[in-house]
Amino acid sequence: MPAEAPSSGDGAEPGAPRERRRRRGRARAWTEALLHTLKRSRRVKANDRERNRMHHLNAALDELRSVLPTFPDDTKLTKIETL
């Protein structure tokens, strides 16, 4: 039996240059404008989430104030006083 050179298993001829595979993901170069747009978009979404969180918190505190007795009746309790 003739001795064969070990092959890499890819079916290519020995000594032939290998093709490089492109990586996906973070290997992409980002432009400054694209980064700025992406950061602004993330900031707007975070601001929306925070605004909605505060609206829900304030609504819950208003509901809690409605069942708490206050004196005099026309004063509104602060968030800390309500808790």
PDB file of N, CA and C in Angstrom:
ATOM      1  N   MET A   1       0.844  -1.183   0.000  1.00  0.00           N
ATOM      2  CA  MET A   1       0.000   0.000   0.000  1.00  0.00           C
ATOM      3  C   MET A   1       0.877   1.229   0.000  1.00  0.00           C
ATOM      4  N   PRO A   2       0.605   2.154  -0.888  1.00  0.00           N
ATOM      5  CA  PRO A   2       1.386   3.384  -0.908  1.00  0.00           C
ATOM      6  C   PRO A   2       0.975   4.278   0.255  1.00  0.00           C
ATOM      7  N   ALA A   3       1.939   4.930   0.844  1.00  0.00           N
ATOM      8  CA  ALA A   3       1.665   5.847   1.958  1.00  0.00           C
ATOM      9  C   ALA A   3       1.182   7.169   1.396  1.00  0.00           C
ATOM     10  N   GLU A   4       0.058   7.629   1.921  1.00  0.00           N
ATOM     11  CA  GLU A   4      -0.502   8.907   1.462  1.00  0.00           C
ATOM     12  C   GLU A   4      -0.255   9.973   2.512  1.00  0.00           C
ATOM     13  N   ALA A   5      -0.155  11.186   2.041  1.00  0.00           N
ATOM     14  CA  ALA A   5       0.012  12.307   2.964  1.00  0.00           C
ATOM     15  C   ALA A   5      -1.284  12.507   3.724  1.00  0.00           C
ATOM     16  N   PRO A   6      -1.209  12.850   4.989  1.00  0.00           N
ATOM     17  CA  PRO A   6      -2.449  13.088   5.750  1.00  0.00           C
ATOM     18  C   PRO A   6      -3.219  14.247   5.138  1.00  0.00           C
ATOM     19  N   SER A   7      -4.488  14.031   4.975  1.00  0.00           N
ATOM     20  CA  SER A   7      -5.315  15.094   4.389  1.00  0.00           C
ATOM     21  C   SER A   7      -6.085  15.799   5.487  1.00  0.00           C
ATOM     22  N   SER A   8      -6.489  17.009   5.173  1.00  0.00           N
ATOM     23  CA  SER A   8      -7.232  17.792   6.159  1.00  0.00           C
ATOM     24  C   SER A   8      -8.698  17.421   6.178  1.00  0.00           C
ATOM     25  N   GLY A   9      -9.116  16.546   5.249  1.00  0.00           N
ATOM     26  CA  GLY A   9     -10.494  16.100   5.252  1.00  0.00           C
ATOM     27  C   GLY A   9     -11.435  17.011   4.497  1.00  0.00           C
ATOM     28  N   ASP A  10     -10.920  18.077   3.873  1.00  0.00           N
ATOM     29  CA  ASP A  10     -11.805  18.989   3.163  1.00  0.00           C
ATOM     30  C   ASP A  10     -11.909  18.656   1.684  1.00  0.00           C
ATOM     31  N   GLY A  11     -11.193  17.648   1.224  1.00  0.00           N
ATOM     32  CA  GLY A  11     -11.287  17.235  -0.164  1.00  0.00           C
ATOM     33  C   GLY A  11     -10.462  18.077  -1.111  1.00  0.00           C
ATOM     34  N   ALA A  12      -9.725  19.041  -0.641  1.00  0.00           N
ATOM     35  CA  ALA A  12      -8.913  19.895  -1.502  1.00  0.00           C
ATOM     36  C   ALA A  12      -7.577  19.222  -1.760  1.00  0.00           C
ATOM     37  N   GLU A  13      -6.949  19.612  -2.828  1.00  0.00           N
ATOM     38  CA  GLU A  13      -5.639  19.059  -3.144  1.00  0.00           C
ATOM     39  C   GLU A  13      -4.629  19.562  -2.126  1.00  0.00           C
ATOM     40  N   PRO A  14      -3.671  18.705  -1.794  1.00  0.00           N
ATOM     41  CA  PRO A  14      -2.638  19.186  -0.877  1.00  0.00           C
ATOM     42  C   PRO A  14      -1.803  20.262  -1.552  1.00  0.00           C
ATOM     43  N   GLY A  15      -1.507  21.290  -0.837  1.00  0.00           N
ATOM     44  CA  GLY A  15      -0.721  22.388  -1.391  1.00  0.00           C
ATOM     45  C   GLY A  15      -1.566  23.471  -2.024  1.00  0.00           C
ATOM     46  N   ALA A  16      -2.859  23.238  -2.212  1.00  0.00           N
ATOM     47  CA  ALA A  16      -3.730  24.267  -2.793  1.00  0.00           C
ATOM     48  C   ALA A  16      -4.061  25.288  -1.711  1.00  0.00           C
ATOM     49  N   PRO A  17      -4.097  26.566  -2.060  1.00  0.00           N
ATOM     50  CA  PRO A  17      -4.419  27.577  -1.038  1.00  0.00           C
ATOM     51  C   PRO A  17      -5.856  27.416  -0.546  1.00  0.00           C
ATOM     52  N   ARG A  18      -6.028  27.577   0.743  1.00  0.00           N
ATOM     53  CA  ARG A  18      -7.369  27.464   1.329  1.00  0.00           C
ATOM     54  C   ARG A  18      -8.097  28.791   1.205  1.00  0.00           C
ATOM     55  N   GLU A  19      -9.392  28.686   1.043  1.00  0.00           N
ATOM     56  CA  GLU A  19     -10.204  29.906   1.014  1.00  0.00           C
ATOM     57  C   GLU A  19     -10.507  30.313   2.443  1.00  0.00           C
ATOM     58  N   ARG A  20     -10.411  31.579   2.691  1.00  0.00           N
ATOM     59  CA  ARG A  20     -10.742  32.071   4.026  1.00  0.00           C
ATOM     60  C   ARG A  20     -12.240  32.311   4.114  1.00  0.00           C
ATOM     61  N   ARG A  21     -12.769  31.971   5.247  1.00  0.00           N
ATOM     62  CA  ARG A  21     -14.199  32.196   5.455  1.00  0.00           C
ATOM     63  C   ARG A  21     -14.393  33.545   6.120  1.00  0.00           C
ATOM     64  N   ARG A  22     -15.452  34.194   5.728  1.00  0.00           N
ATOM     65  CA  ARG A  22     -15.761  35.485   6.343  1.00  0.00           C
ATOM     66  C   ARG A  22     -16.472  35.260   7.658  1.00  0.00           C
ATOM     67  N   ARG A  23     -16.119  36.049   8.615  1.00  0.00           N
ATOM     68  CA  ARG A  23     -16.781  35.977   9.918  1.00  0.00           C
ATOM     69  C   ARG A  23     -17.998  36.882   9.904  1.00  0.00           C
ATOM     70  N   ARG A  24     -18.983  36.443  10.609  1.00  0.00           N
ATOM     71  CA  ARG A  24     -20.184  37.267  10.741  1.00  0.00           C
ATOM     72  C   ARG A  24     -20.202  37.869  12.128  1.00  0.00           C
ATOM     73  N   GLY A  25     -20.945  38.935  12.263  1.00  0.00           N
ATOM     74  CA  GLY A  25     -21.095  39.515  13.594  1.00  0.00           C
ATOM     75  C   GLY A  25     -20.357  40.820  13.739  1.00  0.00           C
ATOM     76  N   ARG A  26     -19.545  40.898  14.763  1.00  0.00           N
ATOM     77  CA  ARG A  26     -18.929  42.155  15.150  1.00  0.00           C
ATOM     78  C   ARG A  26     -17.721  42.547  14.307  1.00  0.00           C
ATOM     79  N   ALA A  27     -17.405  41.796  13.292  1.00  0.00           N
ATOM     80  CA  ALA A  27     -16.240  42.116  12.473  1.00  0.00           C
ATOM     81  C   ALA A  27     -16.520  43.311  11.550  1.00  0.00           C
ATOM     82  N   ARG A  28     -17.747  43.783  11.539  1.00  0.00           N
ATOM     83  CA  ARG A  28     -18.132  44.877  10.653  1.00  0.00           C
ATOM     84  C   ARG A  28     -17.634  46.208  11.201  1.00  0.00           C
ATOM     85  N   ALA A  29     -17.140  47.027  10.320  1.00  0.00           N
ATOM     86  CA  ALA A  29     -16.662  48.351  10.731  1.00  0.00           C
ATOM     87  C   ALA A  29     -17.856  49.307  10.811  1.00  0.00           C
ATOM     88  N   TRP A  30     -17.992  49.988  11.931  1.00  0.00           N
ATOM     89  CA  TRP A  30     -19.098  50.916  12.143  1.00  0.00           C
ATOM     90  C   TRP A  30     -18.626  52.327  11.805  1.00  0.00           C
ATOM     91  N   THR A  31     -19.461  53.058  11.116  1.00  0.00           N
ATOM     92  CA  THR A  31     -19.136  54.450  10.842  1.00  0.00           C
ATOM     93  C   THR A  31     -19.596  55.296  12.018  1.00  0.00           C
ATOM     94  N   GLU A  32     -19.036  56.477  12.136  1.00  0.00           N
ATOM     95  CA  GLU A  32     -19.404  57.376  13.242  1.00  0.00           C
ATOM     96  C   GLU A  32     -20.885  57.736  13.171  1.00  0.00           C
ATOM     97  N   ALA A  33     -21.386  57.995  11.970  1.00  0.00           N
ATOM     98  CA  ALA A  33     -22.795  58.377  11.819  1.00  0.00           C
ATOM     99  C   ALA A  33     -23.713  57.232  12.238  1.00  0.00           C
ATOM    100  N   LEU A  34     -23.350  56.017  11.860  1.00  0.00           N
ATOM    101  CA  LEU A  34     -24.167  54.866  12.221  1.00  0.00           C
ATOM    102  C   LEU A  34     -24.152  54.642  13.731  1.00  0.00           C
ATOM    103  N   LEU A  35     -23.000  54.790  14.338  1.00  0.00           N
ATOM    104  CA  LEU A  35     -22.900  54.657  15.794  1.00  0.00           C
ATOM    105  C   LEU A  35     -23.744  55.705  16.507  1.00  0.00           C
ATOM    106  N   HIS A  36     -23.682  56.934  16.015  1.00  0.00           N
ATOM    107  CA  HIS A  36     -24.452  58.018  16.626  1.00  0.00           C
ATOM    108  C   HIS A  36     -25.950  57.729  16.520  1.00  0.00           C
ATOM    109  N   THR A  37     -26.385  57.274  15.355  1.00  0.00           N
ATOM    110  CA  THR A  37     -27.798  56.955  15.151  1.00  0.00           C
ATOM    111  C   THR A  37     -28.226  55.805  16.054  1.00  0.00           C
ATOM    112  N   LEU A  38     -27.389  54.787  16.156  1.00  0.00           N
ATOM    113  CA  LEU A  38     -27.707  53.637  16.994  1.00  0.00           C
ATOM    114  C   LEU A  38     -27.796  54.031  18.465  1.00  0.00           C
ATOM    115  N   LYS A  39     -26.853  54.838  18.928  1.00  0.00           N
ATOM    116  CA  LYS A  39     -26.870  55.287  20.324  1.00  0.00           C
ATOM    117  C   LYS A  39     -28.102  56.135  20.615  1.00  0.00           C
ATOM    118  N   ARG A  40     -28.447  57.019  19.672  1.00  0.00           N
ATOM    119  CA  ARG A  40     -29.626  57.865  19.867  1.00  0.00           C
ATOM    120  C   ARG A  40     -30.890  57.005  19.922  1.00  0.00           C
ATOM    121  N   SER A  41     -30.976  56.021  19.044  1.00  0.00           N
ATOM    122  CA  SER A  41     -32.132  55.128  19.024  1.00  0.00           C
ATOM    123  C   SER A  41     -32.262  54.377  20.349  1.00  0.00           C
ATOM    124  N   ARG A  42     -31.154  53.870  20.860  1.00  0.00           N
ATOM    125  CA  ARG A  42     -31.178  53.169  22.147  1.00  0.00           C
ATOM    126  C   ARG A  42     -31.579  54.103  23.275  1.00  0.00           C
ATOM    127  N   ARG A  43     -31.087  55.332  23.251  1.00  0.00           N
ATOM    128  CA  ARG A  43     -31.404  56.302  24.296  1.00  0.00           C
ATOM    129  C   ARG A  43     -32.889  56.651  24.259  1.00  0.00           C
ATOM    130  N   VAL A  44     -33.452  56.835  23.062  1.00  0.00           N
ATOM    131  CA  VAL A  44     -34.880  57.155  22.934  1.00  0.00           C
ATOM    132  C   VAL A  44     -35.723  56.008  23.489  1.00  0.00           C
ATOM    133  N   LYS A  45     -35.346  54.775  23.167  1.00  0.00           N
ATOM    134  CA  LYS A  45     -36.094  53.619  23.681  1.00  0.00           C
ATOM    135  C   LYS A  45     -35.992  53.528  25.200  1.00  0.00           C
ATOM    136  N   ALA A  46     -34.811  53.783  25.737  1.00  0.00           N
ATOM    137  CA  ALA A  46     -34.633  53.750  27.196  1.00  0.00           C
ATOM    138  C   ALA A  46     -35.460  54.849  27.858  1.00  0.00           C
ATOM    139  N   ASN A  47     -35.494  56.023  27.249  1.00  0.00           N
ATOM    140  CA  ASN A  47     -36.303  57.121  27.795  1.00  0.00           C
ATOM    141  C   ASN A  47     -37.780  56.761  27.779  1.00  0.00           C
ATOM    142  N   ASP A  48     -38.245  56.115  26.708  1.00  0.00           N
ATOM    143  CA  ASP A  48     -39.647  55.691  26.633  1.00  0.00           C
ATOM    144  C   ASP A  48     -39.977  54.689  27.733  1.00  0.00           C
ATOM    145  N   ARG A  49     -39.071  53.735  27.945  1.00  0.00           N
ATOM    146  CA  ARG A  49     -39.307  52.751  29.007  1.00  0.00           C
ATOM    147  C   ARG A  49     -39.369  53.420  30.374  1.00  0.00           C
ATOM    148  N   GLU A  50     -38.465  54.358  30.623  1.00  0.00           N
ATOM    149  CA  GLU A  50     -38.440  55.056  31.914  1.00  0.00           C
ATOM    150  C   GLU A  50     -39.693  55.910  32.097  1.00  0.00           C
ATOM    151  N   ARG A  51     -40.128  56.578  31.044  1.00  0.00           N
ATOM    152  CA  ARG A  51     -41.338  57.401  31.118  1.00  0.00           C
ATOM    153  C   ARG A  51     -42.547  56.531  31.442  1.00  0.00           C
ATOM    154  N   ASN A  52     -42.670  55.390  30.768  1.00  0.00           N
ATOM    155  CA  ASN A  52     -43.789  54.484  31.041  1.00  0.00           C
ATOM    156  C   ASN A  52     -43.719  53.927  32.460  1.00  0.00           C
ATOM    157  N   ARG A  53     -42.517  53.620  32.925  1.00  0.00           N
ATOM    158  CA  ARG A  53     -42.354  53.128  34.292  1.00  0.00           C
ATOM    159  C   ARG A  53     -42.844  54.154  35.302  1.00  0.00           C
ATOM    160  N   MET A  54     -42.481  55.417  35.090  1.00  0.00           N
ATOM    161  CA  MET A  54     -42.901  56.474  36.016  1.00  0.00           C
ATOM    162  C   MET A  54     -44.405  56.716  35.940  1.00  0.00           C
ATOM    163  N   HIS A  55     -44.984  56.625  34.738  1.00  0.00           N
ATOM    164  CA  HIS A  55     -46.438  56.783  34.618  1.00  0.00           C
ATOM    165  C   HIS A  55     -47.157  55.694  35.415  1.00  0.00           C
ATOM    166  N   HIS A  56     -46.681  54.458  35.297  1.00  0.00           N
ATOM    167  CA  HIS A  56     -47.310  53.359  36.030  1.00  0.00           C
ATOM    168  C   HIS A  56     -47.115  53.519  37.538  1.00  0.00           C
ATOM    169  N   LEU A  57     -45.945  53.952  37.944  1.00  0.00           N
ATOM    170  CA  LEU A  57     -45.676  54.168  39.368  1.00  0.00           C
ATOM    171  C   LEU A  57     -46.578  55.267  39.923  1.00  0.00           C
ATOM    172  N   ASN A  58     -46.691  56.376  39.202  1.00  0.00           N
ATOM    173  CA  ASN A  58     -47.538  57.481  39.664  1.00  0.00           C
ATOM    174  C   ASN A  58     -49.006  57.082  39.706  1.00  0.00           C
ATOM    175  N   ALA A  59     -49.451  56.283  38.741  1.00  0.00           N
ATOM    176  CA  ALA A  59     -50.841  55.815  38.747  1.00  0.00           C
ATOM    177  C   ALA A  59     -51.097  54.925  39.963  1.00  0.00           C
ATOM    178  N   ALA A  60     -50.143  54.067  40.281  1.00  0.00           N
ATOM    179  CA  ALA A  60     -50.293  53.194  41.449  1.00  0.00           C
ATOM    180  C   ALA A  60     -50.314  54.011  42.738  1.00  0.00           C
ATOM    181  N   LEU A  61     -49.465  55.033  42.829  1.00  0.00           N
ATOM    182  CA  LEU A  61     -49.457  55.883  44.024  1.00  0.00           C
ATOM    183  C   LEU A  61     -50.760  56.669  44.147  1.00  0.00           C
ATOM    184  N   ASP A  62     -51.307  57.145  43.039  1.00  0.00           N
ATOM    185  CA  ASP A  62     -52.597  57.849  43.074  1.00  0.00           C
ATOM    186  C   ASP A  62     -53.697  56.923  43.578  1.00  0.00           C
ATOM    187  N   GLU A  63     -53.660  55.670  43.123  1.00  0.00           N
ATOM    188  CA  GLU A  63     -54.651  54.703  43.572  1.00  0.00           C
ATOM    189  C   GLU A  63     -54.511  54.441  45.072  1.00  0.00           C
ATOM    190  N   LEU A  64     -53.285  54.350  45.538  1.00  0.00           N
ATOM    191  CA  LEU A  64     -53.032  54.130  46.962  1.00  0.00           C
ATOM    192  C   LEU A  64     -53.472  55.338  47.785  1.00  0.00           C
ATOM    193  N   ARG A  65     -53.237  56.545  47.276  1.00  0.00           N
ATOM    194  CA  ARG A  65     -53.660  57.766  47.987  1.00  0.00           C
ATOM    195  C   ARG A  65     -55.171  57.820  48.151  1.00  0.00           C
ATOM    196  N   SER A  66     -55.892  57.253  47.182  1.00  0.00           N
ATOM    197  CA  SER A  66     -57.357  57.337  47.240  1.00  0.00           C
ATOM    198  C   SER A  66     -57.932  56.520  48.401  1.00  0.00           C
ATOM    199  N   VAL A  67     -57.192  55.541  48.891  1.00  0.00           N
ATOM    200  CA  VAL A  67     -57.703  54.730  50.003  1.00  0.00           C
ATOM    201  C   VAL A  67     -57.087  55.121  51.342  1.00  0.00           C
ATOM    202  N   LEU A  68     -56.098  56.018  51.341  1.00  0.00           N
ATOM    203  CA  LEU A  68     -55.485  56.465  52.587  1.00  0.00           C
ATOM    204  C   LEU A  68     -56.212  57.698  53.123  1.00  0.00           C
ATOM    205  N   PRO A  69     -56.463  57.735  54.427  1.00  0.00           N
ATOM    206  CA  PRO A  69     -57.092  58.936  54.995  1.00  0.00           C
ATOM    207  C   PRO A  69     -56.072  60.074  55.099  1.00  0.00           C
ATOM    208  N   THR A  70     -56.502  61.275  54.744  1.00  0.00           N
ATOM    209  CA  THR A  70     -55.626  62.452  54.848  1.00  0.00           C
ATOM    210  C   THR A  70     -56.347  63.544  55.617  1.00  0.00           C
ATOM    211  N   PHE A  71     -55.576  64.415  56.248  1.00  0.00           N
ATOM    212  CA  PHE A  71     -56.154  65.565  56.947  1.00  0.00           C
ATOM    213  C   PHE A  71     -55.275  66.763  56.678  1.00  0.00           C
ATOM    214  N   PRO A  72     -55.734  67.827  56.181  1.00  0.00           N
ATOM    215  CA  PRO A  72     -57.074  68.045  55.623  1.00  0.00           C
ATOM    216  C   PRO A  72     -57.246  67.312  54.295  1.00  0.00           C
ATOM    217  N   ASP A  73     -58.473  67.214  53.846  1.00  0.00           N
ATOM    218  CA  ASP A  73     -58.803  66.419  52.665  1.00  0.00           C
ATOM    219  C   ASP A  73     -58.224  66.976  51.370  1.00  0.00           C
ATOM    220  N   ASP A  74     -57.930  68.266  51.326  1.00  0.00           N
ATOM    221  CA  ASP A  74     -57.468  68.852  50.061  1.00  0.00           C
ATOM    222  C   ASP A  74     -55.957  68.709  49.838  1.00  0.00           C
ATOM    223  N   THR A  75     -55.217  68.179  50.819  1.00  0.00           N
ATOM    224  CA  THR A  75     -53.770  68.039  50.632  1.00  0.00           C
ATOM    225  C   THR A  75     -53.455  66.707  49.954  1.00  0.00           C
ATOM    226  N   LYS A  76     -52.483  66.744  49.079  1.00  0.00           N
ATOM    227  CA  LYS A  76     -52.055  65.533  48.386  1.00  0.00           C
ATOM    228  C   LYS A  76     -50.768  65.041  49.044  1.00  0.00           C
ATOM    229  N   LEU A  77     -50.750  63.772  49.401  1.00  0.00           N
ATOM    230  CA  LEU A  77     -49.565  63.198  50.021  1.00  0.00           C
ATOM    231  C   LEU A  77     -48.445  63.059  48.994  1.00  0.00           C
ATOM    232  N   THR A  78     -47.228  63.260  49.447  1.00  0.00           N
ATOM    233  CA  THR A  78     -46.081  63.061  48.561  1.00  0.00           C
ATOM    234  C   THR A  78     -45.855  61.560  48.371  1.00  0.00           C
ATOM    235  N   LYS A  79     -44.955  61.215  47.484  1.00  0.00           N
ATOM    236  CA  LYS A  79     -44.648  59.799  47.258  1.00  0.00           C
ATOM    237  C   LYS A  79     -44.123  59.152  48.535  1.00  0.00           C
ATOM    238  N   ILE A  80     -43.234  59.841  49.209  1.00  0.00           N
ATOM    239  CA  ILE A  80     -42.658  59.296  50.440  1.00  0.00           C
ATOM    240  C   ILE A  80     -43.722  59.178  51.524  1.00  0.00           C
ATOM    241  N   GLU A  81     -44.554  60.196  51.679  1.00  0.00           N
ATOM    242  CA  GLU A  81     -45.624  60.145  52.683  1.00  0.00           C
ATOM    243  C   GLU A  81     -46.613  59.024  52.365  1.00  0.00           C
ATOM    244  N   THR A  82     -46.877  58.799  51.106  1.00  0.00           N
ATOM    245  CA  THR A  82     -47.803  57.739  50.710  1.00  0.00           C
ATOM    246  C   THR A  82     -47.242  56.373  51.077  1.00  0.00           C
ATOM    247  N   LEU A  83     -45.959  56.205  50.872  1.00  0.00           N
ATOM    248  CA  LEU A  83     -45.342  54.910  51.211  1.00  0.00           C
ATOM    249  C   LEU A  83     -45.269  54.739  52.718  1.00  0.00           C
TER     250      LEU A  83
END
